[in-house]
């Protein structure tokens, strides 16, 4: 199992090695609700086994969508391991594929190109892939639109002596948030528990934000506030740049 908590100081040290990633808070275990959502497995063995550091979604039998910042490996060369187990422990079934990131990553603030895929040599059997949005279909969403965020990682942030602590259990979690704003490449989703929303935190980067209760992945989780209580900043998948990248690997709607 992954280590159960981090202090902010320990997390800062970790981020020198692994790029920031964000996890589900104010949510609940997903169980078999979204079997096409998986986690990236850390390839090194620690005293407590392997653990998950990012999330993602199967979007075709051989293609797993995630965020570019989740891996520093060279596109077309690095091998990345994925699990779809809803409650991962070291030794569970995994799949290994080749990493491909958008070559324009890290881009700039207007478009970070923070998108990547893992391509498997053989189709993943028994899991129905998620759907992608049609071109431009997310541009006119209203403030009432809700999103279902899914991923692995910190399920709770506590404030104890010594600072905030992030609790992990490598369980696939789910939460619902409400749209805050749309811009040309981002969907910003409220995850403020005071307004009944849940959202993402460290460990959910690359994970999906489904459009309402549909099987359509509107966006992928990229970043958010430091203690995971305000806004989930997510990368739109209906834009020309996202579609240009994804179209190299899957058929687009």
C-alpha atoms as a PDB file:
ATOM      1  CA  UNK A   1       0.000   0.000   0.000  1.00  0.00           C
ATOM      2  CA  UNK A   2       1.061   3.570  -0.480  1.00  0.00           C
ATOM      3  CA  UNK A   3       2.299   5.431   2.581  1.00  0.00           C
ATOM      4  CA  UNK A   4      -0.758   6.721   4.429  1.00  0.00           C
ATOM      5  CA  UNK A   5       0.071  10.411   4.858  1.00  0.00           C
ATOM      6  CA  UNK A   6       2.441  13.201   3.944  1.00  0.00           C
ATOM      7  CA  UNK A   7       3.202  16.437   5.724  1.00  0.00           C
ATOM      8  CA  UNK A   8       3.549  19.459   3.451  1.00  0.00           C
ATOM      9  CA  UNK A   9       7.314  19.361   3.979  1.00  0.00           C
ATOM     10  CA  UNK A  10       7.550  15.726   2.919  1.00  0.00           C
ATOM     11  CA  UNK A  11       5.308  16.407  -0.048  1.00  0.00           C
ATOM     12  CA  UNK A  12       7.500  19.297  -1.142  1.00  0.00           C
ATOM     13  CA  UNK A  13      10.501  16.992  -1.122  1.00  0.00           C
ATOM     14  CA  UNK A  14       8.626  14.414  -3.193  1.00  0.00           C
ATOM     15  CA  UNK A  15       7.682  17.018  -5.796  1.00  0.00           C
ATOM     16  CA  UNK A  16      11.356  17.536  -6.569  1.00  0.00           C
ATOM     17  CA  UNK A  17      11.242  14.065  -8.115  1.00  0.00           C
ATOM     18  CA  UNK A  18       7.624  13.624  -9.226  1.00  0.00           C
ATOM     19  CA  UNK A  19       5.687  16.471 -10.852  1.00  0.00           C
ATOM     20  CA  UNK A  20       2.607  17.730  -8.993  1.00  0.00           C
ATOM     21  CA  UNK A  21      -0.456  15.547  -9.144  1.00  0.00           C
ATOM     22  CA  UNK A  22      -3.827  16.075  -7.632  1.00  0.00           C
ATOM     23  CA  UNK A  23      -6.607  13.303  -5.703  1.00  0.00           C
ATOM     24  CA  UNK A  24     -10.280  12.874  -4.768  1.00  0.00           C
ATOM     25  CA  UNK A  25     -11.547  14.680  -1.657  1.00  0.00           C
ATOM     26  CA  UNK A  26     -15.053  14.905  -0.169  1.00  0.00           C
ATOM     27  CA  UNK A  27     -15.944  11.831  -2.204  1.00  0.00           C
ATOM     28  CA  UNK A  28     -16.439   8.115  -1.751  1.00  0.00           C
ATOM     29  CA  UNK A  29     -14.919   4.861  -2.985  1.00  0.00           C
ATOM     30  CA  UNK A  30     -15.802   4.276  -6.626  1.00  0.00           C
ATOM     31  CA  UNK A  31     -15.866   0.474  -6.483  1.00  0.00           C
ATOM     32  CA  UNK A  32     -16.813  -0.741  -9.964  1.00  0.00           C
ATOM     33  CA  UNK A  33     -18.442   2.552 -10.940  1.00  0.00           C
ATOM     34  CA  UNK A  34     -15.717   3.563 -13.396  1.00  0.00           C
ATOM     35  CA  UNK A  35     -13.675   0.481 -14.287  1.00  0.00           C
ATOM     36  CA  UNK A  36     -11.988   2.341 -17.177  1.00  0.00           C
ATOM     37  CA  UNK A  37     -10.221   4.674 -14.719  1.00  0.00           C
ATOM     38  CA  UNK A  38      -6.772   3.469 -13.692  1.00  0.00           C
ATOM     39  CA  UNK A  39      -3.674   4.568 -11.851  1.00  0.00           C
ATOM     40  CA  UNK A  40      -0.021   4.871 -12.820  1.00  0.00           C
ATOM     41  CA  UNK A  41       2.086   2.550 -10.695  1.00  0.00           C
ATOM     42  CA  UNK A  42       5.401   3.761  -9.318  1.00  0.00           C
ATOM     43  CA  UNK A  43       8.042   1.499 -10.810  1.00  0.00           C
ATOM     44  CA  UNK A  44      10.300   1.464  -7.761  1.00  0.00           C
ATOM     45  CA  UNK A  45       9.850  -0.886  -4.842  1.00  0.00           C
ATOM     46  CA  UNK A  46       9.649   0.716  -1.388  1.00  0.00           C
ATOM     47  CA  UNK A  47       9.425  -0.898   2.021  1.00  0.00           C
ATOM     48  CA  UNK A  48       5.638  -0.592   1.797  1.00  0.00           C
ATOM     49  CA  UNK A  49       5.475  -1.868  -1.800  1.00  0.00           C
ATOM     50  CA  UNK A  50       4.624   0.043  -4.960  1.00  0.00           C
ATOM     51  CA  UNK A  51       2.098   2.875  -5.013  1.00  0.00           C
ATOM     52  CA  UNK A  52       0.059   5.014  -7.403  1.00  0.00           C
ATOM     53  CA  UNK A  53       1.180   8.512  -8.326  1.00  0.00           C
ATOM     54  CA  UNK A  54      -1.227   9.638 -11.072  1.00  0.00           C
ATOM     55  CA  UNK A  55      -4.553   8.662 -12.609  1.00  0.00           C
ATOM     56  CA  UNK A  56      -5.986   8.291 -16.092  1.00  0.00           C
ATOM     57  CA  UNK A  57      -8.646   6.765 -18.320  1.00  0.00           C
ATOM     58  CA  UNK A  58      -8.802   4.013 -20.911  1.00  0.00           C
ATOM     59  CA  UNK A  59     -10.135   5.733 -24.078  1.00  0.00           C
ATOM     60  CA  UNK A  60      -9.629   2.838 -26.484  1.00  0.00           C
ATOM     61  CA  UNK A  61      -8.743  -0.814 -25.908  1.00  0.00           C
ATOM     62  CA  UNK A  62      -5.057   0.086 -26.327  1.00  0.00           C
ATOM     63  CA  UNK A  63      -4.858   3.763 -25.246  1.00  0.00           C
ATOM     64  CA  UNK A  64      -4.804   5.177 -21.712  1.00  0.00           C
ATOM     65  CA  UNK A  65      -5.174   8.950 -21.320  1.00  0.00           C
ATOM     66  CA  UNK A  66      -3.334  10.887 -18.598  1.00  0.00           C
ATOM     67  CA  UNK A  67      -1.309  14.094 -17.999  1.00  0.00           C
ATOM     68  CA  UNK A  68       2.114  14.826 -19.494  1.00  0.00           C
ATOM     69  CA  UNK A  69       3.561  16.001 -16.181  1.00  0.00           C
ATOM     70  CA  UNK A  70       3.025  12.539 -14.673  1.00  0.00           C
ATOM     71  CA  UNK A  71       6.142  11.138 -16.340  1.00  0.00           C
ATOM     72  CA  UNK A  72       9.424  12.634 -17.498  1.00  0.00           C
ATOM     73  CA  UNK A  73      10.193   9.732 -19.844  1.00  0.00           C
ATOM     74  CA  UNK A  74      10.923  10.362 -23.497  1.00  0.00           C
ATOM     75  CA  UNK A  75       7.926   9.876 -25.789  1.00  0.00           C
ATOM     76  CA  UNK A  76       7.907   6.553 -27.588  1.00  0.00           C
ATOM     77  CA  UNK A  77      10.616   5.102 -25.342  1.00  0.00           C
ATOM     78  CA  UNK A  78       9.585   5.086 -21.681  1.00  0.00           C
ATOM     79  CA  UNK A  79       7.565   2.172 -20.367  1.00  0.00           C
ATOM     80  CA  UNK A  80       4.770   2.986 -17.910  1.00  0.00           C
ATOM     81  CA  UNK A  81       2.726   0.615 -15.755  1.00  0.00           C
ATOM     82  CA  UNK A  82      -1.026   0.983 -15.177  1.00  0.00           C
ATOM     83  CA  UNK A  83      -3.525  -0.736 -12.888  1.00  0.00           C
ATOM     84  CA  UNK A  84      -7.318  -0.696 -13.071  1.00  0.00           C
ATOM     85  CA  UNK A  85      -7.806  -2.303  -9.669  1.00  0.00           C
ATOM     86  CA  UNK A  86     -10.270  -0.225  -7.587  1.00  0.00           C
ATOM     87  CA  UNK A  87      -8.299  -0.909  -4.391  1.00  0.00           C
ATOM     88  CA  UNK A  88      -4.687  -1.315  -5.426  1.00  0.00           C
ATOM     89  CA  UNK A  89      -2.145  -3.267  -3.416  1.00  0.00           C
ATOM     90  CA  UNK A  90       1.321  -4.296  -4.482  1.00  0.00           C
ATOM     91  CA  UNK A  91       1.079  -7.432  -6.642  1.00  0.00           C
ATOM     92  CA  UNK A  92      -2.298  -6.656  -8.246  1.00  0.00           C
ATOM     93  CA  UNK A  93      -2.638  -7.070 -12.015  1.00  0.00           C
ATOM     94  CA  UNK A  94      -0.961  -4.357 -14.065  1.00  0.00           C
ATOM     95  CA  UNK A  95      -0.431  -3.505 -17.723  1.00  0.00           C
ATOM     96  CA  UNK A  96       2.695  -1.940 -19.225  1.00  0.00           C
ATOM     97  CA  UNK A  97       2.686   0.338 -22.253  1.00  0.00           C
ATOM     98  CA  UNK A  98       4.698   2.999 -24.049  1.00  0.00           C
ATOM     99  CA  UNK A  99       4.541   6.641 -22.983  1.00  0.00           C
ATOM    100  CA  UNK A 100       3.698   9.392 -25.490  1.00  0.00           C
ATOM    101  CA  UNK A 101       3.346  13.015 -24.368  1.00  0.00           C
ATOM    102  CA  UNK A 102       2.363  16.055 -26.396  1.00  0.00           C
ATOM    103  CA  UNK A 103       5.649  17.300 -27.872  1.00  0.00           C
ATOM    104  CA  UNK A 104       4.529  20.887 -27.206  1.00  0.00           C
ATOM    105  CA  UNK A 105       4.389  20.290 -23.439  1.00  0.00           C
ATOM    106  CA  UNK A 106       4.927  22.295 -21.210  1.00  0.00           C
ATOM    107  CA  UNK A 107       3.554  25.041 -23.457  1.00  0.00           C
ATOM    108  CA  UNK A 108       2.453  28.230 -21.732  1.00  0.00           C
ATOM    109  CA  UNK A 109      -0.297  29.419 -19.398  1.00  0.00           C
ATOM    110  CA  UNK A 110      -2.841  29.732 -22.184  1.00  0.00           C
ATOM    111  CA  UNK A 111      -2.235  26.153 -23.344  1.00  0.00           C
ATOM    112  CA  UNK A 112       0.082  23.910 -21.346  1.00  0.00           C
ATOM    113  CA  UNK A 113      -0.324  20.908 -23.686  1.00  0.00           C
ATOM    114  CA  UNK A 114      -0.273  18.854 -20.473  1.00  0.00           C
ATOM    115  CA  UNK A 115      -1.643  15.696 -22.066  1.00  0.00           C
ATOM    116  CA  UNK A 116      -0.210  12.231 -22.654  1.00  0.00           C
ATOM    117  CA  UNK A 117      -1.181   8.655 -23.411  1.00  0.00           C
ATOM    118  CA  UNK A 118       0.104   5.197 -22.607  1.00  0.00           C
ATOM    119  CA  UNK A 119      -0.217   2.842 -25.584  1.00  0.00           C
ATOM    120  CA  UNK A 120      -0.503  -0.873 -24.846  1.00  0.00           C
ATOM    121  CA  UNK A 121       0.777  -3.478 -27.297  1.00  0.00           C
ATOM    122  CA  UNK A 122      -2.329  -5.611 -26.760  1.00  0.00           C
ATOM    123  CA  UNK A 123      -5.944  -4.538 -26.132  1.00  0.00           C
ATOM    124  CA  UNK A 124      -7.148  -4.433 -22.539  1.00  0.00           C
ATOM    125  CA  UNK A 125      -9.953  -6.972 -22.315  1.00  0.00           C
ATOM    126  CA  UNK A 126     -13.102  -6.713 -20.222  1.00  0.00           C
ATOM    127  CA  UNK A 127     -13.078  -2.908 -19.801  1.00  0.00           C
ATOM    128  CA  UNK A 128     -15.255  -0.599 -21.913  1.00  0.00           C
ATOM    129  CA  UNK A 129     -13.297   2.555 -22.848  1.00  0.00           C
ATOM    130  CA  UNK A 130     -14.615   5.996 -21.965  1.00  0.00           C
ATOM    131  CA  UNK A 131     -15.787   8.386 -24.676  1.00  0.00           C
ATOM    132  CA  UNK A 132     -14.233  11.683 -25.722  1.00  0.00           C
ATOM    133  CA  UNK A 133     -16.203  14.916 -26.293  1.00  0.00           C
ATOM    134  CA  UNK A 134     -17.053  16.265 -29.742  1.00  0.00           C
ATOM    135  CA  UNK A 135     -15.073  19.232 -31.043  1.00  0.00           C
ATOM    136  CA  UNK A 136     -15.990  22.480 -29.291  1.00  0.00           C
ATOM    137  CA  UNK A 137     -18.819  20.835 -27.360  1.00  0.00           C
ATOM    138  CA  UNK A 138     -17.766  22.227 -23.970  1.00  0.00           C
ATOM    139  CA  UNK A 139     -17.515  25.895 -24.935  1.00  0.00           C
ATOM    140  CA  UNK A 140     -20.980  26.956 -23.788  1.00  0.00           C
ATOM    141  CA  UNK A 141     -21.512  24.991 -20.596  1.00  0.00           C
ATOM    142  CA  UNK A 142     -23.534  26.732 -17.891  1.00  0.00           C
ATOM    143  CA  UNK A 143     -22.584  27.286 -14.269  1.00  0.00           C
ATOM    144  CA  UNK A 144     -25.011  24.526 -13.282  1.00  0.00           C
ATOM    145  CA  UNK A 145     -22.982  21.852 -15.090  1.00  0.00           C
ATOM    146  CA  UNK A 146     -21.634  19.152 -12.820  1.00  0.00           C
ATOM    147  CA  UNK A 147     -18.633  16.891 -13.334  1.00  0.00           C
ATOM    148  CA  UNK A 148     -17.795  13.504 -11.907  1.00  0.00           C
ATOM    149  CA  UNK A 149     -14.113  13.417 -10.942  1.00  0.00           C
ATOM    150  CA  UNK A 150     -12.448  10.025 -10.500  1.00  0.00           C
ATOM    151  CA  UNK A 151      -8.951   9.059  -9.415  1.00  0.00           C
ATOM    152  CA  UNK A 152      -6.556   7.606  -6.879  1.00  0.00           C
ATOM    153  CA  UNK A 153      -4.671   9.444  -4.181  1.00  0.00           C
ATOM    154  CA  UNK A 154      -5.306  11.704  -1.210  1.00  0.00           C
ATOM    155  CA  UNK A 155      -8.850  11.126   0.005  1.00  0.00           C
ATOM    156  CA  UNK A 156      -8.602  13.620   2.860  1.00  0.00           C
ATOM    157  CA  UNK A 157      -6.539  16.638   3.889  1.00  0.00           C
ATOM    158  CA  UNK A 158      -6.235  17.180   7.624  1.00  0.00           C
ATOM    159  CA  UNK A 159      -4.859  20.159   9.549  1.00  0.00           C
ATOM    160  CA  UNK A 160      -2.863  18.882  12.506  1.00  0.00           C
ATOM    161  CA  UNK A 161       0.075  20.133  14.544  1.00  0.00           C
ATOM    162  CA  UNK A 162       2.945  20.443  12.091  1.00  0.00           C
ATOM    163  CA  UNK A 163       0.767  21.379   9.128  1.00  0.00           C
ATOM    164  CA  UNK A 164      -1.586  19.811   6.652  1.00  0.00           C
ATOM    165  CA  UNK A 165      -1.391  16.084   6.047  1.00  0.00           C
ATOM    166  CA  UNK A 166      -2.549  14.243   2.931  1.00  0.00           C
ATOM    167  CA  UNK A 167      -4.036  10.780   3.512  1.00  0.00           C
ATOM    168  CA  UNK A 168      -3.671   8.061   0.849  1.00  0.00           C
ATOM    169  CA  UNK A 169      -4.959   4.529   0.466  1.00  0.00           C
ATOM    170  CA  UNK A 170      -4.628   3.827  -3.310  1.00  0.00           C
ATOM    171  CA  UNK A 171      -8.393   3.370  -3.621  1.00  0.00           C
ATOM    172  CA  UNK A 172     -10.213   4.647  -6.702  1.00  0.00           C
ATOM    173  CA  UNK A 173     -12.480   7.433  -5.493  1.00  0.00           C
ATOM    174  CA  UNK A 174     -15.263   9.526  -7.013  1.00  0.00           C
ATOM    175  CA  UNK A 175     -16.668  12.984  -6.246  1.00  0.00           C
ATOM    176  CA  UNK A 176     -18.919  15.551  -7.923  1.00  0.00           C
ATOM    177  CA  UNK A 177     -18.033  19.213  -8.528  1.00  0.00           C
ATOM    178  CA  UNK A 178     -19.749  22.143 -10.228  1.00  0.00           C
ATOM    179  CA  UNK A 179     -18.398  24.297 -13.052  1.00  0.00           C
ATOM    180  CA  UNK A 180     -16.792  27.591 -12.042  1.00  0.00           C
ATOM    181  CA  UNK A 181     -15.494  28.855 -15.386  1.00  0.00           C
ATOM    182  CA  UNK A 182     -14.653  27.903 -18.970  1.00  0.00           C
ATOM    183  CA  UNK A 183     -11.774  29.338 -21.000  1.00  0.00           C
ATOM    184  CA  UNK A 184     -10.318  28.240 -24.343  1.00  0.00           C
ATOM    185  CA  UNK A 185      -8.290  25.346 -22.899  1.00  0.00           C
ATOM    186  CA  UNK A 186      -9.438  24.958 -19.274  1.00  0.00           C
ATOM    187  CA  UNK A 187     -12.493  23.945 -17.285  1.00  0.00           C
ATOM    188  CA  UNK A 188     -12.296  25.189 -13.715  1.00  0.00           C
ATOM    189  CA  UNK A 189     -14.454  23.088 -11.406  1.00  0.00           C
ATOM    190  CA  UNK A 190     -15.437  23.957  -7.835  1.00  0.00           C
ATOM    191  CA  UNK A 191     -14.434  21.392  -5.222  1.00  0.00           C
ATOM    192  CA  UNK A 192     -15.356  23.521  -2.216  1.00  0.00           C
ATOM    193  CA  UNK A 193     -16.919  21.224   0.414  1.00  0.00           C
ATOM    194  CA  UNK A 194     -18.738  24.214   1.931  1.00  0.00           C
ATOM    195  CA  UNK A 195     -20.914  24.301  -1.196  1.00  0.00           C
ATOM    196  CA  UNK A 196     -21.373  20.542  -1.326  1.00  0.00           C
ATOM    197  CA  UNK A 197     -18.721  19.924  -3.950  1.00  0.00           C
ATOM    198  CA  UNK A 198     -15.918  17.399  -3.949  1.00  0.00           C
ATOM    199  CA  UNK A 199     -12.887  17.230  -6.152  1.00  0.00           C
ATOM    200  CA  UNK A 200      -9.272  16.376  -6.700  1.00  0.00           C
ATOM    201  CA  UNK A 201      -5.947  16.453  -4.866  1.00  0.00           C
ATOM    202  CA  UNK A 202      -2.411  15.004  -5.045  1.00  0.00           C
ATOM    203  CA  UNK A 203      -2.543  11.702  -6.934  1.00  0.00           C
ATOM    204  CA  UNK A 204      -5.409  12.510  -9.372  1.00  0.00           C
ATOM    205  CA  UNK A 205      -3.457  14.285 -12.117  1.00  0.00           C
ATOM    206  CA  UNK A 206      -4.418  12.917 -15.505  1.00  0.00           C
ATOM    207  CA  UNK A 207      -7.648  11.496 -14.121  1.00  0.00           C
ATOM    208  CA  UNK A 208     -11.000  12.122 -15.788  1.00  0.00           C
ATOM    209  CA  UNK A 209     -13.690  14.657 -15.121  1.00  0.00           C
ATOM    210  CA  UNK A 210     -16.751  13.087 -16.688  1.00  0.00           C
ATOM    211  CA  UNK A 211     -19.483  15.347 -18.037  1.00  0.00           C
ATOM    212  CA  UNK A 212     -22.234  14.895 -15.456  1.00  0.00           C
ATOM    213  CA  UNK A 213     -23.137  11.231 -15.194  1.00  0.00           C
ATOM    214  CA  UNK A 214     -22.210  10.440 -18.785  1.00  0.00           C
ATOM    215  CA  UNK A 215     -19.277   8.324 -19.910  1.00  0.00           C
ATOM    216  CA  UNK A 216     -17.764  11.327 -21.704  1.00  0.00           C
ATOM    217  CA  UNK A 217     -14.390  12.526 -20.389  1.00  0.00           C
ATOM    218  CA  UNK A 218     -14.712  16.303 -20.638  1.00  0.00           C
ATOM    219  CA  UNK A 219     -11.291  17.090 -19.205  1.00  0.00           C
ATOM    220  CA  UNK A 220      -8.308  15.755 -17.312  1.00  0.00           C
ATOM    221  CA  UNK A 221      -7.209  16.948 -13.885  1.00  0.00           C
ATOM    222  CA  UNK A 222      -4.001  19.008 -13.965  1.00  0.00           C
ATOM    223  CA  UNK A 223      -3.677  21.201 -10.876  1.00  0.00           C
ATOM    224  CA  UNK A 224      -5.481  23.047  -8.095  1.00  0.00           C
ATOM    225  CA  UNK A 225      -4.965  24.847  -4.817  1.00  0.00           C
ATOM    226  CA  UNK A 226      -2.343  23.620  -2.345  1.00  0.00           C
ATOM    227  CA  UNK A 227      -4.770  22.067   0.166  1.00  0.00           C
ATOM    228  CA  UNK A 228      -7.338  20.750  -2.321  1.00  0.00           C
ATOM    229  CA  UNK A 229     -10.374  22.707  -1.153  1.00  0.00           C
ATOM    230  CA  UNK A 230     -11.071  25.303  -3.818  1.00  0.00           C
ATOM    231  CA  UNK A 231     -10.733  24.701  -7.575  1.00  0.00           C
ATOM    232  CA  UNK A 232      -9.907  21.745  -9.783  1.00  0.00           C
ATOM    233  CA  UNK A 233      -8.118  23.127 -12.872  1.00  0.00           C
ATOM    234  CA  UNK A 234      -8.693  20.702 -15.732  1.00  0.00           C
ATOM    235  CA  UNK A 235      -7.523  20.444 -19.343  1.00  0.00           C
ATOM    236  CA  UNK A 236     -10.318  20.460 -21.941  1.00  0.00           C
ATOM    237  CA  UNK A 237     -10.393  17.583 -24.412  1.00  0.00           C
ATOM    238  CA  UNK A 238     -12.644  19.216 -27.025  1.00  0.00           C
ATOM    239  CA  UNK A 239     -10.107  21.838 -28.148  1.00  0.00           C
ATOM    240  CA  UNK A 240      -8.118  21.843 -31.406  1.00  0.00           C
ATOM    241  CA  UNK A 241      -4.817  21.271 -29.572  1.00  0.00           C
ATOM    242  CA  UNK A 242      -6.084  18.362 -27.434  1.00  0.00           C
ATOM    243  CA  UNK A 243      -7.769  16.781 -30.454  1.00  0.00           C
ATOM    244  CA  UNK A 244      -4.658  17.199 -32.602  1.00  0.00           C
ATOM    245  CA  UNK A 245      -2.712  15.181 -30.076  1.00  0.00           C
ATOM    246  CA  UNK A 246      -5.371  12.558 -29.361  1.00  0.00           C
ATOM    247  CA  UNK A 247      -6.155  12.085 -33.055  1.00  0.00           C
ATOM    248  CA  UNK A 248      -2.743  10.463 -33.482  1.00  0.00           C
ATOM    249  CA  UNK A 249      -3.859   7.570 -31.259  1.00  0.00           C
ATOM    250  CA  UNK A 250      -7.657   7.206 -31.327  1.00  0.00           C
ATOM    251  CA  UNK A 251     -10.628   7.884 -33.601  1.00  0.00           C
ATOM    252  CA  UNK A 252     -12.232  11.187 -32.553  1.00  0.00           C
ATOM    253  CA  UNK A 253     -15.978  11.877 -32.318  1.00  0.00           C
END
